[in-house]
Amino acid sequence: MITSEAKKASNRKLGESVCKALEARGFFAQYAESAEAACERALEMIEEGATVGIPGTVTVREIGLMERLEEKGCKISEHWLPDMSPAERTAALLGELQADWFVTSANALSMDGTIVNIDGAGNRVAVMSWAPGKIIYIVGINKISSDVHSAIKRARDIASPPNALRLARKTPCTATGHCMDCNSPERICRVVTLIERAPLGRECHVIIVGEELGY
């Protein structure tokens, strides 16, 4: 077995193991070999013409899901559009909350099935915790951590610095490349959530992808 095939097989076994842990916690979980397969799985779930909220997620944009949803006639709410006025951004955030589907990723996912996220304003994690619609997490294999402690560390040290750089924030992590637990007024790590079980009354799906995606 050549190296790439062994890595693919290893990723699949890891992803399937974590899917079992997620299912035991009330999530609907499945493994997709590639970004393209993950995109197709999400499209199969989201009905034609549905409203879809997509927050600040690099992963969902990387797999090309937004363009495919638009082709399907879905109405997308996203607050990441450039040159939005404050009123337009607020309306988009409310649209994400009220959508039929909320499609996002995670900063980290522990092997026991705990989903870890860090937000600045808290809008993304708020909708993860409660919203009237259904939710899909699309999570690259690179975001799986051995336990909750390492998942939180991953969210802080690996996911947050590039996000701060992308947002052009003046924080210590943009200079060091790792979390400094700063008190900067531009700090983006302000609200931490651990989703240990699928929230009551919520249909929650997780697609683990056998490729590195997002931060």
C-alpha atoms as a PDB file:
ATOM      1  CA  MET A   1       0.000   0.000   0.000  1.00  0.00           C
ATOM      2  CA  ILE A   2       1.529   3.330  -1.028  1.00  0.00           C
ATOM      3  CA  THR A   3       1.710   6.194   1.444  1.00  0.00           C
ATOM      4  CA  SER A   4      -1.239   8.168   0.054  1.00  0.00           C
ATOM      5  CA  GLU A   5      -3.499   5.110   0.164  1.00  0.00           C
ATOM      6  CA  ALA A   6      -2.438   4.330   3.739  1.00  0.00           C
ATOM      7  CA  LYS A   7      -3.123   7.916   4.789  1.00  0.00           C
ATOM      8  CA  LYS A   8      -6.535   7.845   3.137  1.00  0.00           C
ATOM      9  CA  ALA A   9      -7.382   4.572   4.899  1.00  0.00           C
ATOM     10  CA  SER A  10      -6.171   5.950   8.232  1.00  0.00           C
ATOM     11  CA  ASN A  11      -8.249   9.110   7.808  1.00  0.00           C
ATOM     12  CA  ARG A  12     -11.307   7.022   7.015  1.00  0.00           C
ATOM     13  CA  LYS A  13     -10.878   4.836  10.106  1.00  0.00           C
ATOM     14  CA  LEU A  14     -10.397   7.913  12.312  1.00  0.00           C
ATOM     15  CA  GLY A  15     -13.353   9.712  10.774  1.00  0.00           C
ATOM     16  CA  GLU A  16     -15.638   6.705  11.126  1.00  0.00           C
ATOM     17  CA  SER A  17     -14.584   6.246  14.760  1.00  0.00           C
ATOM     18  CA  VAL A  18     -15.451   9.840  15.579  1.00  0.00           C
ATOM     19  CA  CYS A  19     -18.747   9.494  13.698  1.00  0.00           C
ATOM     20  CA  LYS A  20     -19.687   6.640  16.037  1.00  0.00           C
ATOM     21  CA  ALA A  21     -18.854   8.816  19.044  1.00  0.00           C
ATOM     22  CA  LEU A  22     -20.977  11.654  17.637  1.00  0.00           C
ATOM     23  CA  GLU A  23     -23.920   9.338  16.956  1.00  0.00           C
ATOM     24  CA  ALA A  24     -23.795   8.166  20.569  1.00  0.00           C
ATOM     25  CA  ARG A  25     -24.190  11.836  21.539  1.00  0.00           C
ATOM     26  CA  GLY A  26     -27.310  12.415  19.440  1.00  0.00           C
ATOM     27  CA  PHE A  27     -25.786  13.713  16.201  1.00  0.00           C
ATOM     28  CA  PHE A  28     -26.360  12.350  12.707  1.00  0.00           C
ATOM     29  CA  ALA A  29     -22.785  11.777  11.551  1.00  0.00           C
ATOM     30  CA  GLN A  30     -21.204  10.533   8.346  1.00  0.00           C
ATOM     31  CA  TYR A  31     -17.781  10.367   6.758  1.00  0.00           C
ATOM     32  CA  ALA A  32     -16.935  11.790   3.322  1.00  0.00           C
ATOM     33  CA  GLU A  33     -13.665  10.927   1.586  1.00  0.00           C
ATOM     34  CA  SER A  34     -13.256  14.323  -0.103  1.00  0.00           C
ATOM     35  CA  ALA A  35     -14.403  17.928  -0.118  1.00  0.00           C
ATOM     36  CA  GLU A  36     -16.404  17.221  -3.276  1.00  0.00           C
ATOM     37  CA  ALA A  37     -18.175  14.297  -1.594  1.00  0.00           C
ATOM     38  CA  ALA A  38     -18.928  16.434   1.478  1.00  0.00           C
ATOM     39  CA  CYS A  39     -20.441  19.119  -0.733  1.00  0.00           C
ATOM     40  CA  GLU A  40     -22.687  16.549  -2.406  1.00  0.00           C
ATOM     41  CA  ARG A  41     -23.780  15.107   0.959  1.00  0.00           C
ATOM     42  CA  ALA A  42     -24.810  18.562   2.182  1.00  0.00           C
ATOM     43  CA  LEU A  43     -26.667  19.281  -1.061  1.00  0.00           C
ATOM     44  CA  GLU A  44     -28.609  16.027  -0.657  1.00  0.00           C
ATOM     45  CA  MET A  45     -29.851  17.172   2.749  1.00  0.00           C
ATOM     46  CA  ILE A  46     -30.741  20.779   1.942  1.00  0.00           C
ATOM     47  CA  GLU A  47     -33.956  21.012  -0.028  1.00  0.00           C
ATOM     48  CA  GLU A  48     -34.404  23.165  -3.115  1.00  0.00           C
ATOM     49  CA  GLY A  49     -35.361  26.746  -2.296  1.00  0.00           C
ATOM     50  CA  ALA A  50     -34.460  26.482   1.408  1.00  0.00           C
ATOM     51  CA  THR A  51     -33.034  29.400   3.350  1.00  0.00           C
ATOM     52  CA  VAL A  52     -29.454  28.747   4.464  1.00  0.00           C
ATOM     53  CA  GLY A  53     -27.373  30.666   6.991  1.00  0.00           C
ATOM     54  CA  ILE A  54     -23.608  30.552   6.473  1.00  0.00           C
ATOM     55  CA  PRO A  55     -21.472  32.359   9.072  1.00  0.00           C
ATOM     56  CA  GLY A  56     -17.751  33.102   9.001  1.00  0.00           C
ATOM     57  CA  THR A  57     -16.552  29.672   7.912  1.00  0.00           C
ATOM     58  CA  VAL A  58     -13.591  29.128   5.607  1.00  0.00           C
ATOM     59  CA  THR A  59     -14.358  25.409   5.247  1.00  0.00           C
ATOM     60  CA  VAL A  60     -17.822  25.830   3.733  1.00  0.00           C
ATOM     61  CA  ARG A  61     -16.474  28.326   1.237  1.00  0.00           C
ATOM     62  CA  GLU A  62     -13.499  26.086   0.367  1.00  0.00           C
ATOM     63  CA  ILE A  63     -15.687  23.176  -0.706  1.00  0.00           C
ATOM     64  CA  GLY A  64     -17.768  25.315  -3.083  1.00  0.00           C
ATOM     65  CA  LEU A  65     -21.064  24.691  -1.315  1.00  0.00           C
ATOM     66  CA  MET A  66     -22.355  28.252  -1.508  1.00  0.00           C
ATOM     67  CA  GLU A  67     -22.248  28.373  -5.302  1.00  0.00           C
ATOM     68  CA  ARG A  68     -23.998  25.013  -5.540  1.00  0.00           C
ATOM     69  CA  LEU A  69     -26.718  26.140  -3.123  1.00  0.00           C
ATOM     70  CA  GLU A  70     -27.365  29.243  -5.206  1.00  0.00           C
ATOM     71  CA  GLU A  71     -27.713  27.025  -8.292  1.00  0.00           C
ATOM     72  CA  LYS A  72     -30.302  25.032  -6.333  1.00  0.00           C
ATOM     73  CA  GLY A  73     -32.365  28.160  -5.704  1.00  0.00           C
ATOM     74  CA  CYS A  74     -31.515  28.468  -2.024  1.00  0.00           C
ATOM     75  CA  LYS A  75     -31.514  31.879  -0.369  1.00  0.00           C
ATOM     76  CA  ILE A  76     -28.259  32.407   1.521  1.00  0.00           C
ATOM     77  CA  SER A  77     -27.765  34.741   4.461  1.00  0.00           C
ATOM     78  CA  GLU A  78     -24.130  35.629   5.147  1.00  0.00           C
ATOM     79  CA  HIS A  79     -22.661  38.566   7.007  1.00  0.00           C
ATOM     80  CA  TRP A  80     -19.220  38.205   5.365  1.00  0.00           C
ATOM     81  CA  LEU A  81     -20.131  40.153   2.228  1.00  0.00           C
ATOM     82  CA  PRO A  82     -17.852  43.177   1.684  1.00  0.00           C
ATOM     83  CA  ASP A  83     -19.080  46.763   1.971  1.00  0.00           C
ATOM     84  CA  MET A  84     -22.152  45.875   4.029  1.00  0.00           C
ATOM     85  CA  SER A  85     -23.655  48.627   6.118  1.00  0.00           C
ATOM     86  CA  PRO A  86     -24.142  47.971   9.854  1.00  0.00           C
ATOM     87  CA  ALA A  87     -27.882  47.559   9.242  1.00  0.00           C
ATOM     88  CA  GLU A  88     -27.298  45.098   6.400  1.00  0.00           C
ATOM     89  CA  ARG A  89     -24.869  43.098   8.518  1.00  0.00           C
ATOM     90  CA  THR A  90     -27.333  42.915  11.402  1.00  0.00           C
ATOM     91  CA  ALA A  91     -30.052  41.737   9.016  1.00  0.00           C
ATOM     92  CA  ALA A  92     -27.726  39.063   7.632  1.00  0.00           C
ATOM     93  CA  LEU A  93     -26.870  37.844  11.125  1.00  0.00           C
ATOM     94  CA  LEU A  94     -30.556  37.541  11.957  1.00  0.00           C
ATOM     95  CA  GLY A  95     -31.091  35.761   8.644  1.00  0.00           C
ATOM     96  CA  GLU A  96     -28.426  33.209   9.612  1.00  0.00           C
ATOM     97  CA  LEU A  97     -30.203  32.622  12.919  1.00  0.00           C
ATOM     98  CA  GLN A  98     -33.649  32.191  11.376  1.00  0.00           C
ATOM     99  CA  ALA A  99     -32.677  30.094   8.331  1.00  0.00           C
ATOM    100  CA  ASP A 100     -34.027  26.625   7.582  1.00  0.00           C
ATOM    101  CA  TRP A 101     -30.440  25.353   7.674  1.00  0.00           C
ATOM    102  CA  PHE A 102     -27.267  26.656   9.322  1.00  0.00           C
ATOM    103  CA  VAL A 103     -24.104  25.312   7.683  1.00  0.00           C
ATOM    104  CA  THR A 104     -20.819  25.826   9.477  1.00  0.00           C
ATOM    105  CA  SER A 105     -17.628  24.087  10.580  1.00  0.00           C
ATOM    106  CA  ALA A 106     -15.856  23.746  13.927  1.00  0.00           C
ATOM    107  CA  ASN A 107     -12.577  24.990  15.321  1.00  0.00           C
ATOM    108  CA  ALA A 108     -11.919  21.546  16.766  1.00  0.00           C
ATOM    109  CA  LEU A 109     -13.602  18.205  17.396  1.00  0.00           C
ATOM    110  CA  SER A 110     -12.482  15.796  20.101  1.00  0.00           C
ATOM    111  CA  MET A 111     -12.380  12.061  19.445  1.00  0.00           C
ATOM    112  CA  ASP A 112     -15.142  11.522  22.014  1.00  0.00           C
ATOM    113  CA  GLY A 113     -17.488  13.752  19.978  1.00  0.00           C
ATOM    114  CA  THR A 114     -17.282  17.156  21.671  1.00  0.00           C
ATOM    115  CA  ILE A 115     -17.452  20.128  19.265  1.00  0.00           C
ATOM    116  CA  VAL A 116     -15.268  23.086  20.304  1.00  0.00           C
ATOM    117  CA  ASN A 117     -15.560  26.630  18.997  1.00  0.00           C
ATOM    118  CA  ILE A 118     -14.288  30.111  19.823  1.00  0.00           C
ATOM    119  CA  ASP A 119     -15.993  33.326  18.675  1.00  0.00           C
ATOM    120  CA  GLY A 120     -15.403  37.021  18.970  1.00  0.00           C
ATOM    121  CA  ALA A 121     -18.985  38.336  18.895  1.00  0.00           C
ATOM    122  CA  GLY A 122     -20.594  34.987  19.686  1.00  0.00           C
ATOM    123  CA  ASN A 123     -23.013  35.026  16.750  1.00  0.00           C
ATOM    124  CA  ARG A 124     -21.764  31.738  15.275  1.00  0.00           C
ATOM    125  CA  VAL A 125     -21.694  29.756  18.504  1.00  0.00           C
ATOM    126  CA  ALA A 126     -25.064  31.200  19.515  1.00  0.00           C
ATOM    127  CA  VAL A 127     -26.720  29.720  16.415  1.00  0.00           C
ATOM    128  CA  MET A 128     -24.862  26.446  16.979  1.00  0.00           C
ATOM    129  CA  SER A 129     -26.387  26.279  20.450  1.00  0.00           C
ATOM    130  CA  TRP A 130     -29.919  27.339  19.519  1.00  0.00           C
ATOM    131  CA  ALA A 131     -31.852  28.204  16.367  1.00  0.00           C
ATOM    132  CA  PRO A 132     -35.160  27.019  14.919  1.00  0.00           C
ATOM    133  CA  GLY A 133     -33.560  25.399  11.866  1.00  0.00           C
ATOM    134  CA  LYS A 134     -31.376  22.369  11.261  1.00  0.00           C
ATOM    135  CA  ILE A 135     -27.586  22.473  11.382  1.00  0.00           C
ATOM    136  CA  ILE A 136     -24.765  20.869   9.396  1.00  0.00           C
ATOM    137  CA  TYR A 137     -21.162  20.869  10.574  1.00  0.00           C
ATOM    138  CA  ILE A 138     -18.567  20.174   7.870  1.00  0.00           C
ATOM    139  CA  VAL A 139     -15.286  19.313   9.588  1.00  0.00           C
ATOM    140  CA  GLY A 140     -11.923  18.528   8.014  1.00  0.00           C
ATOM    141  CA  ILE A 141      -9.932  15.604   9.404  1.00  0.00           C
ATOM    142  CA  ASN A 142      -7.249  18.085  10.543  1.00  0.00           C
ATOM    143  CA  LYS A 143      -9.595  19.433  13.214  1.00  0.00           C
ATOM    144  CA  ILE A 144      -9.890  16.183  15.170  1.00  0.00           C
ATOM    145  CA  SER A 145      -8.064  16.266  18.502  1.00  0.00           C
ATOM    146  CA  SER A 146      -7.458  13.504  21.024  1.00  0.00           C
ATOM    147  CA  ASP A 147      -9.516  15.030  23.860  1.00  0.00           C
ATOM    148  CA  VAL A 148     -11.364  18.193  24.890  1.00  0.00           C
ATOM    149  CA  HIS A 149      -8.254  19.818  26.381  1.00  0.00           C
ATOM    150  CA  SER A 150      -6.276  19.397  23.164  1.00  0.00           C
ATOM    151  CA  ALA A 151      -9.312  20.501  21.133  1.00  0.00           C
ATOM    152  CA  ILE A 152      -9.475  23.781  23.059  1.00  0.00           C
ATOM    153  CA  LYS A 153      -5.722  24.202  22.617  1.00  0.00           C
ATOM    154  CA  ARG A 154      -6.114  23.573  18.889  1.00  0.00           C
ATOM    155  CA  ALA A 155      -8.880  26.172  18.632  1.00  0.00           C
ATOM    156  CA  ARG A 156      -6.688  28.754  20.357  1.00  0.00           C
ATOM    157  CA  ASP A 157      -3.247  27.996  18.907  1.00  0.00           C
ATOM    158  CA  ILE A 158      -4.020  26.721  15.412  1.00  0.00           C
ATOM    159  CA  ALA A 159      -7.385  28.140  14.346  1.00  0.00           C
ATOM    160  CA  SER A 160      -7.386  31.588  15.941  1.00  0.00           C
ATOM    161  CA  PRO A 161      -4.062  33.129  14.752  1.00  0.00           C
ATOM    162  CA  PRO A 162      -4.785  32.729  11.007  1.00  0.00           C
ATOM    163  CA  ASN A 163      -8.329  33.957  11.587  1.00  0.00           C
ATOM    164  CA  ALA A 164      -6.958  37.055  13.313  1.00  0.00           C
ATOM    165  CA  LEU A 165      -4.544  37.576  10.420  1.00  0.00           C
ATOM    166  CA  ARG A 166      -7.353  37.162   7.893  1.00  0.00           C
ATOM    167  CA  LEU A 167      -9.355  39.822   9.751  1.00  0.00           C
ATOM    168  CA  ALA A 168      -6.274  42.109   9.981  1.00  0.00           C
ATOM    169  CA  ARG A 169      -6.560  42.268  13.759  1.00  0.00           C
ATOM    170  CA  LYS A 170      -3.789  43.852  15.796  1.00  0.00           C
ATOM    171  CA  THR A 171      -3.310  41.051  18.300  1.00  0.00           C
ATOM    172  CA  PRO A 172      -0.164  39.359  19.670  1.00  0.00           C
ATOM    173  CA  CYS A 173      -1.025  36.057  17.971  1.00  0.00           C
ATOM    174  CA  THR A 174      -0.701  37.650  14.527  1.00  0.00           C
ATOM    175  CA  ALA A 175       2.963  38.276  15.351  1.00  0.00           C
ATOM    176  CA  THR A 176       3.776  35.021  17.158  1.00  0.00           C
ATOM    177  CA  GLY A 177       1.521  32.562  15.287  1.00  0.00           C
ATOM    178  CA  HIS A 178       0.108  31.139  18.519  1.00  0.00           C
ATOM    179  CA  CYS A 179      -2.253  32.245  21.281  1.00  0.00           C
ATOM    180  CA  MET A 180      -0.862  34.671  23.871  1.00  0.00           C
ATOM    181  CA  ASP A 181      -4.119  34.832  25.902  1.00  0.00           C
ATOM    182  CA  CYS A 182      -4.047  38.569  25.349  1.00  0.00           C
ATOM    183  CA  ASN A 183      -6.238  41.416  26.577  1.00  0.00           C
ATOM    184  CA  SER A 184      -6.101  43.206  23.246  1.00  0.00           C
ATOM    185  CA  PRO A 185      -9.236  45.213  22.396  1.00  0.00           C
ATOM    186  CA  GLU A 186      -9.128  43.431  19.016  1.00  0.00           C
ATOM    187  CA  ARG A 187      -9.010  39.945  20.535  1.00  0.00           C
ATOM    188  CA  ILE A 188     -11.256  37.506  18.625  1.00  0.00           C
ATOM    189  CA  CYS A 189     -11.234  34.732  21.277  1.00  0.00           C
ATOM    190  CA  ARG A 190     -14.044  35.828  23.572  1.00  0.00           C
ATOM    191  CA  VAL A 191     -16.759  33.157  23.677  1.00  0.00           C
ATOM    192  CA  VAL A 192     -15.846  29.469  24.012  1.00  0.00           C
ATOM    193  CA  THR A 193     -18.435  26.710  23.630  1.00  0.00           C
ATOM    194  CA  LEU A 194     -18.281  22.970  24.173  1.00  0.00           C
ATOM    195  CA  ILE A 195     -21.171  21.191  22.478  1.00  0.00           C
ATOM    196  CA  GLU A 196     -21.173  17.855  24.286  1.00  0.00           C
ATOM    197  CA  ARG A 197     -24.498  16.560  22.951  1.00  0.00           C
ATOM    198  CA  ALA A 198     -26.847  17.537  20.142  1.00  0.00           C
ATOM    199  CA  PRO A 199     -29.004  20.342  21.623  1.00  0.00           C
ATOM    200  CA  LEU A 200     -32.524  19.292  22.651  1.00  0.00           C
ATOM    201  CA  GLY A 201     -35.062  19.468  19.854  1.00  0.00           C
ATOM    202  CA  ARG A 202     -32.444  20.212  17.179  1.00  0.00           C
ATOM    203  CA  GLU A 203     -31.581  18.124  14.121  1.00  0.00           C
ATOM    204  CA  CYS A 204     -27.782  18.241  14.006  1.00  0.00           C
ATOM    205  CA  HIS A 205     -25.654  16.696  11.272  1.00  0.00           C
ATOM    206  CA  VAL A 206     -21.864  16.341  11.158  1.00  0.00           C
ATOM    207  CA  ILE A 207     -19.916  15.501   8.010  1.00  0.00           C
ATOM    208  CA  ILE A 208     -16.305  14.581   8.720  1.00  0.00           C
ATOM    209  CA  VAL A 209     -14.134  15.019   5.628  1.00  0.00           C
ATOM    210  CA  GLY A 210     -11.002  12.986   4.958  1.00  0.00           C
ATOM    211  CA  GLU A 211      -9.078  16.093   3.855  1.00  0.00           C
ATOM    212  CA  GLU A 212      -7.580  19.118   5.576  1.00  0.00           C
ATOM    213  CA  LEU A 213     -10.033  22.013   5.417  1.00  0.00           C
ATOM    214  CA  GLY A 214     -10.212  25.458   7.019  1.00  0.00           C
ATOM    215  CA  TYR A 215      -7.976  26.577   9.864  1.00  0.00           C
END
